[in-house]
């Protein structure tokens, strides 16, 4: 059995309260990991082309208020 399968089985066996606690922790963990990746990508210039395209669309009037 793989580590992921072991983790899946452990999660499946959690009582409801412990699962809710795990889900809260995992949501925060996952969001933090995502934020750090975005920060690395931005610092590394990986988002520059997307930003340039969005700014060009805005300048050309192809943007709208959200």
PDB file of N, CA and C in Angstrom:
ATOM      1  N   UNK A   1       0.850  -1.181   0.000  1.00  0.00           N
ATOM      2  CA  UNK A   1       0.000   0.000   0.000  1.00  0.00           C
ATOM      3  C   UNK A   1       0.897   1.245   0.000  1.00  0.00           C
ATOM      4  N   UNK A   2       0.497   2.241  -0.766  1.00  0.00           N
ATOM      5  CA  UNK A   2       1.281   3.472  -0.831  1.00  0.00           C
ATOM      6  C   UNK A   2       0.966   4.376   0.349  1.00  0.00           C
ATOM      7  N   UNK A   3       1.795   5.364   0.535  1.00  0.00           N
ATOM      8  CA  UNK A   3       1.572   6.340   1.600  1.00  0.00           C
ATOM      9  C   UNK A   3       0.249   7.070   1.384  1.00  0.00           C
ATOM     10  N   UNK A   4      -0.060   7.423   0.156  1.00  0.00           N
ATOM     11  CA  UNK A   4      -1.311   8.128  -0.127  1.00  0.00           C
ATOM     12  C   UNK A   4      -2.500   7.243   0.229  1.00  0.00           C
ATOM     13  N   UNK A   5      -2.420   5.976  -0.116  1.00  0.00           N
ATOM     14  CA  UNK A   5      -3.514   5.069   0.240  1.00  0.00           C
ATOM     15  C   UNK A   5      -3.662   4.950   1.751  1.00  0.00           C
ATOM     16  N   UNK A   6      -2.554   4.921   2.473  1.00  0.00           N
ATOM     17  CA  UNK A   6      -2.604   4.883   3.940  1.00  0.00           C
ATOM     18  C   UNK A   6      -3.280   6.138   4.484  1.00  0.00           C
ATOM     19  N   UNK A   7      -2.926   7.280   3.930  1.00  0.00           N
ATOM     20  CA  UNK A   7      -3.521   8.553   4.368  1.00  0.00           C
ATOM     21  C   UNK A   7      -5.015   8.566   4.062  1.00  0.00           C
ATOM     22  N   UNK A   8      -5.382   8.107   2.864  1.00  0.00           N
ATOM     23  CA  UNK A   8      -6.797   8.063   2.499  1.00  0.00           C
ATOM     24  C   UNK A   8      -7.595   7.208   3.485  1.00  0.00           C
ATOM     25  N   UNK A   9      -7.079   6.046   3.801  1.00  0.00           N
ATOM     26  CA  UNK A   9      -7.769   5.154   4.735  1.00  0.00           C
ATOM     27  C   UNK A   9      -7.871   5.783   6.119  1.00  0.00           C
ATOM     28  N   UNK A  10      -6.810   6.455   6.548  1.00  0.00           N
ATOM     29  CA  UNK A  10      -6.838   7.112   7.860  1.00  0.00           C
ATOM     30  C   UNK A  10      -7.891   8.210   7.876  1.00  0.00           C
ATOM     31  N   UNK A  11      -7.976   8.984   6.804  1.00  0.00           N
ATOM     32  CA  UNK A  11      -8.965  10.061   6.732  1.00  0.00           C
ATOM     33  C   UNK A  11     -10.379   9.494   6.715  1.00  0.00           C
ATOM     34  N   UNK A  12     -10.572   8.434   5.943  1.00  0.00           N
ATOM     35  CA  UNK A  12     -11.902   7.811   5.868  1.00  0.00           C
ATOM     36  C   UNK A  12     -12.371   7.296   7.226  1.00  0.00           C
ATOM     37  N   UNK A  13     -11.443   6.928   8.087  1.00  0.00           N
ATOM     38  CA  UNK A  13     -11.827   6.354   9.375  1.00  0.00           C
ATOM     39  C   UNK A  13     -11.994   7.406  10.484  1.00  0.00           C
ATOM     40  N   UNK A  14     -11.758   8.668  10.182  1.00  0.00           N
ATOM     41  CA  UNK A  14     -11.880   9.708  11.197  1.00  0.00           C
ATOM     42  C   UNK A  14     -13.341   9.918  11.605  1.00  0.00           C
ATOM     43  N   UNK A  15     -13.584  10.103  12.890  1.00  0.00           N
ATOM     44  CA  UNK A  15     -14.935  10.510  13.319  1.00  0.00           C
ATOM     45  C   UNK A  15     -15.241  11.903  12.752  1.00  0.00           C
ATOM     46  N   UNK A  16     -16.496  12.245  12.691  1.00  0.00           N
ATOM     47  CA  UNK A  16     -16.925  13.498  12.059  1.00  0.00           C
ATOM     48  C   UNK A  16     -16.216  14.721  12.625  1.00  0.00           C
ATOM     49  N   UNK A  17     -16.095  14.804  13.930  1.00  0.00           N
ATOM     50  CA  UNK A  17     -15.451  15.981  14.543  1.00  0.00           C
ATOM     51  C   UNK A  17     -13.973  16.065  14.168  1.00  0.00           C
ATOM     52  N   UNK A  18     -13.303  14.931  14.160  1.00  0.00           N
ATOM     53  CA  UNK A  18     -11.886  14.929  13.784  1.00  0.00           C
ATOM     54  C   UNK A  18     -11.717  15.219  12.303  1.00  0.00           C
ATOM     55  N   UNK A  19     -12.657  14.737  11.471  1.00  0.00           N
ATOM     56  CA  UNK A  19     -12.589  15.041  10.047  1.00  0.00           C
ATOM     57  C   UNK A  19     -12.766  16.535   9.815  1.00  0.00           C
ATOM     58  N   UNK A  20     -13.693  17.156  10.531  1.00  0.00           N
ATOM     59  CA  UNK A  20     -13.898  18.605  10.403  1.00  0.00           C
ATOM     60  C   UNK A  20     -12.635  19.349  10.808  1.00  0.00           C
ATOM     61  N   UNK A  21     -12.006  18.908  11.881  1.00  0.00           N
ATOM     62  CA  UNK A  21     -10.756  19.532  12.328  1.00  0.00           C
ATOM     63  C   UNK A  21      -9.660  19.365  11.277  1.00  0.00           C
ATOM     64  N   UNK A  22      -9.566  18.151  10.704  1.00  0.00           N
ATOM     65  CA  UNK A  22      -8.584  17.899   9.649  1.00  0.00           C
ATOM     66  C   UNK A  22      -8.856  18.786   8.435  1.00  0.00           C
ATOM     67  N   UNK A  23     -10.125  18.872   8.037  1.00  0.00           N
ATOM     68  CA  UNK A  23     -10.485  19.667   6.860  1.00  0.00           C
ATOM     69  C   UNK A  23     -10.122  21.132   7.058  1.00  0.00           C
ATOM     70  N   UNK A  24     -10.374  21.671   8.235  1.00  0.00           N
ATOM     71  CA  UNK A  24     -10.010  23.056   8.534  1.00  0.00           C
ATOM     72  C   UNK A  24      -8.507  23.249   8.422  1.00  0.00           C
ATOM     73  N   UNK A  25      -7.763  22.315   9.004  1.00  0.00           N
ATOM     74  CA  UNK A  25      -6.290  22.394   8.928  1.00  0.00           C
ATOM     75  C   UNK A  25      -5.833  22.290   7.481  1.00  0.00           C
ATOM     76  N   UNK A  26      -6.369  21.315   6.729  1.00  0.00           N
ATOM     77  CA  UNK A  26      -5.907  21.101   5.364  1.00  0.00           C
ATOM     78  C   UNK A  26      -6.241  22.274   4.460  1.00  0.00           C
ATOM     79  N   UNK A  27      -7.416  22.847   4.620  1.00  0.00           N
ATOM     80  CA  UNK A  27      -7.783  24.021   3.817  1.00  0.00           C
ATOM     81  C   UNK A  27      -6.776  25.153   4.023  1.00  0.00           C
ATOM     82  N   UNK A  28      -6.406  25.403   5.275  1.00  0.00           N
ATOM     83  CA  UNK A  28      -5.427  26.467   5.565  1.00  0.00           C
ATOM     84  C   UNK A  28      -4.059  26.100   5.012  1.00  0.00           C
ATOM     85  N   UNK A  29      -3.658  24.853   5.173  1.00  0.00           N
ATOM     86  CA  UNK A  29      -2.377  24.369   4.661  1.00  0.00           C
ATOM     87  C   UNK A  29      -2.307  24.520   3.140  1.00  0.00           C
ATOM     88  N   UNK A  30      -3.358  24.088   2.464  1.00  0.00           N
ATOM     89  CA  UNK A  30      -3.398  24.143   1.005  1.00  0.00           C
ATOM     90  C   UNK A  30      -3.394  25.582   0.504  1.00  0.00           C
ATOM     91  N   UNK A  31      -4.154  26.455   1.161  1.00  0.00           N
ATOM     92  CA  UNK A  31      -4.193  27.861   0.757  1.00  0.00           C
ATOM     93  C   UNK A  31      -2.826  28.516   0.939  1.00  0.00           C
ATOM     94  N   UNK A  32      -2.167  28.217   2.036  1.00  0.00           N
ATOM     95  CA  UNK A  32      -0.830  28.773   2.277  1.00  0.00           C
ATOM     96  C   UNK A  32       0.158  28.291   1.224  1.00  0.00           C
ATOM     97  N   UNK A  33       0.090  27.022   0.891  1.00  0.00           N
ATOM     98  CA  UNK A  33       0.984  26.466  -0.135  1.00  0.00           C
ATOM     99  C   UNK A  33       0.737  27.129  -1.498  1.00  0.00           C
ATOM    100  N   UNK A  34      -0.536  27.329  -1.827  1.00  0.00           N
ATOM    101  CA  UNK A  34      -0.901  27.982  -3.081  1.00  0.00           C
ATOM    102  C   UNK A  34      -0.372  29.422  -3.098  1.00  0.00           C
ATOM    103  N   UNK A  35      -0.577  30.141  -2.003  1.00  0.00           N
ATOM    104  CA  UNK A  35      -0.105  31.530  -1.920  1.00  0.00           C
ATOM    105  C   UNK A  35       1.407  31.618  -2.114  1.00  0.00           C
ATOM    106  N   UNK A  36       2.145  30.695  -1.489  1.00  0.00           N
ATOM    107  CA  UNK A  36       3.608  30.713  -1.630  1.00  0.00           C
ATOM    108  C   UNK A  36       4.022  30.425  -3.069  1.00  0.00           C
ATOM    109  N   UNK A  37       3.302  29.538  -3.758  1.00  0.00           N
ATOM    110  CA  UNK A  37       3.629  29.246  -5.164  1.00  0.00           C
ATOM    111  C   UNK A  37       3.360  30.467  -6.035  1.00  0.00           C
ATOM    112  N   UNK A  38       2.228  31.139  -5.821  1.00  0.00           N
ATOM    113  CA  UNK A  38       1.928  32.351  -6.586  1.00  0.00           C
ATOM    114  C   UNK A  38       3.015  33.399  -6.354  1.00  0.00           C
ATOM    115  N   UNK A  39       3.432  33.561  -5.097  1.00  0.00           N
ATOM    116  CA  UNK A  39       4.486  34.537  -4.789  1.00  0.00           C
ATOM    117  C   UNK A  39       5.786  34.181  -5.504  1.00  0.00           C
ATOM    118  N   UNK A  40       6.147  32.897  -5.513  1.00  0.00           N
ATOM    119  CA  UNK A  40       7.379  32.472  -6.221  1.00  0.00           C
ATOM    120  C   UNK A  40       7.246  32.716  -7.719  1.00  0.00           C
ATOM    121  N   UNK A  41       6.087  32.372  -8.277  1.00  0.00           N
ATOM    122  CA  UNK A  41       5.869  32.563  -9.714  1.00  0.00           C
ATOM    123  C   UNK A  41       5.921  34.045 -10.078  1.00  0.00           C
ATOM    124  N   UNK A  42       5.304  34.886  -9.250  1.00  0.00           N
ATOM    125  CA  UNK A  42       5.319  36.328  -9.514  1.00  0.00           C
ATOM    126  C   UNK A  42       6.743  36.869  -9.423  1.00  0.00           C
ATOM    127  N   UNK A  43       7.472  36.473  -8.402  1.00  0.00           N
ATOM    128  CA  UNK A  43       8.845  36.951  -8.237  1.00  0.00           C
ATOM    129  C   UNK A  43       9.743  36.452  -9.363  1.00  0.00           C
ATOM    130  N   UNK A  44       9.422  35.284  -9.904  1.00  0.00           N
ATOM    131  CA  UNK A  44      10.222  34.715 -10.987  1.00  0.00           C
ATOM    132  C   UNK A  44       9.807  35.183 -12.370  1.00  0.00           C
ATOM    133  N   UNK A  45       8.814  36.052 -12.448  1.00  0.00           N
ATOM    134  CA  UNK A  45       8.393  36.594 -13.740  1.00  0.00           C
ATOM    135  C   UNK A  45       7.440  35.712 -14.516  1.00  0.00           C
ATOM    136  N   UNK A  46       6.986  34.609 -13.915  1.00  0.00           N
ATOM    137  CA  UNK A  46       6.118  33.685 -14.643  1.00  0.00           C
ATOM    138  C   UNK A  46       4.735  34.255 -14.931  1.00  0.00           C
ATOM    139  N   UNK A  47       4.355  35.308 -14.217  1.00  0.00           N
ATOM    140  CA  UNK A  47       3.019  35.889 -14.421  1.00  0.00           C
ATOM    141  C   UNK A  47       3.063  37.178 -15.234  1.00  0.00           C
ATOM    142  N   UNK A  48       4.245  37.599 -15.635  1.00  0.00           N
ATOM    143  CA  UNK A  48       4.393  38.863 -16.348  1.00  0.00           C
ATOM    144  C   UNK A  48       3.585  38.903 -17.642  1.00  0.00           C
ATOM    145  N   UNK A  49       3.614  37.831 -18.413  1.00  0.00           N
ATOM    146  CA  UNK A  49       2.890  37.815 -19.691  1.00  0.00           C
ATOM    147  C   UNK A  49       1.384  37.927 -19.453  1.00  0.00           C
ATOM    148  N   UNK A  50       0.894  37.248 -18.422  1.00  0.00           N
ATOM    149  CA  UNK A  50      -0.532  37.343 -18.104  1.00  0.00           C
ATOM    150  C   UNK A  50      -0.901  38.760 -17.684  1.00  0.00           C
ATOM    151  N   UNK A  51      -0.076  39.378 -16.871  1.00  0.00           N
ATOM    152  CA  UNK A  51      -0.336  40.749 -16.426  1.00  0.00           C
ATOM    153  C   UNK A  51      -0.304  41.710 -17.615  1.00  0.00           C
ATOM    154  N   UNK A  52       0.673  41.548 -18.484  1.00  0.00           N
ATOM    155  CA  UNK A  52       0.768  42.407 -19.673  1.00  0.00           C
ATOM    156  C   UNK A  52      -0.477  42.279 -20.544  1.00  0.00           C
ATOM    157  N   UNK A  53      -0.938  41.048 -20.716  1.00  0.00           N
ATOM    158  CA  UNK A  53      -2.131  40.804 -21.535  1.00  0.00           C
ATOM    159  C   UNK A  53      -3.361  41.449 -20.887  1.00  0.00           C
ATOM    160  N   UNK A  54      -3.503  41.294 -19.584  1.00  0.00           N
ATOM    161  CA  UNK A  54      -4.640  41.886 -18.874  1.00  0.00           C
ATOM    162  C   UNK A  54      -4.607  43.410 -18.957  1.00  0.00           C
ATOM    163  N   UNK A  55      -3.443  43.996 -18.795  1.00  0.00           N
ATOM    164  CA  UNK A  55      -3.320  45.452 -18.892  1.00  0.00           C
ATOM    165  C   UNK A  55      -3.627  45.942 -20.298  1.00  0.00           C
ATOM    166  N   UNK A  56      -3.175  45.208 -21.300  1.00  0.00           N
ATOM    167  CA  UNK A  56      -3.456  45.587 -22.689  1.00  0.00           C
ATOM    168  C   UNK A  56      -4.960  45.531 -22.957  1.00  0.00           C
ATOM    169  N   UNK A  57      -5.622  44.485 -22.459  1.00  0.00           N
ATOM    170  CA  UNK A  57      -7.072  44.380 -22.615  1.00  0.00           C
ATOM    171  C   UNK A  57      -7.768  45.551 -21.928  1.00  0.00           C
ATOM    172  N   UNK A  58      -7.309  45.901 -20.749  1.00  0.00           N
ATOM    173  CA  UNK A  58      -7.918  47.011 -20.014  1.00  0.00           C
ATOM    174  C   UNK A  58      -7.752  48.334 -20.776  1.00  0.00           C
ATOM    175  N   UNK A  59      -6.556  48.575 -21.255  1.00  0.00           N
ATOM    176  CA  UNK A  59      -6.284  49.815 -22.010  1.00  0.00           C
ATOM    177  C   UNK A  59      -7.107  49.889 -23.290  1.00  0.00           C
ATOM    178  N   UNK A  60      -7.394  48.712 -23.880  1.00  0.00           N
ATOM    179  CA  UNK A  60      -8.157  48.674 -25.136  1.00  0.00           C
ATOM    180  C   UNK A  60      -9.662  48.682 -24.880  1.00  0.00           C
ATOM    181  N   UNK A  61     -10.066  48.800 -23.609  1.00  0.00           N
ATOM    182  CA  UNK A  61     -11.481  48.865 -23.301  1.00  0.00           C
ATOM    183  C   UNK A  61     -12.182  47.509 -23.276  1.00  0.00           C
ATOM    184  N   UNK A  62     -11.410  46.447 -23.182  1.00  0.00           N
ATOM    185  CA  UNK A  62     -12.003  45.108 -23.156  1.00  0.00           C
ATOM    186  C   UNK A  62     -12.135  44.584 -21.712  1.00  0.00           C
ATOM    187  N   UNK A  63     -12.236  45.482 -20.764  1.00  0.00           N
ATOM    188  CA  UNK A  63     -12.402  45.084 -19.359  1.00  0.00           C
ATOM    189  C   UNK A  63     -13.698  45.656 -18.846  1.00  0.00           C
ATOM    190  N   UNK A  64     -14.230  45.056 -17.798  1.00  0.00           N
ATOM    191  CA  UNK A  64     -15.450  45.558 -17.202  1.00  0.00           C
ATOM    192  C   UNK A  64     -15.339  45.484 -15.698  1.00  0.00           C
ATOM    193  N   UNK A  65     -16.142  46.278 -15.026  1.00  0.00           N
ATOM    194  CA  UNK A  65     -16.168  46.302 -13.568  1.00  0.00           C
ATOM    195  C   UNK A  65     -16.688  44.954 -13.067  1.00  0.00           C
ATOM    196  N   UNK A  66     -16.146  44.499 -11.972  1.00  0.00           N
ATOM    197  CA  UNK A  66     -16.652  43.269 -11.362  1.00  0.00           C
ATOM    198  C   UNK A  66     -17.637  43.594 -10.286  1.00  0.00           C
TER     199      UNK A  66
END
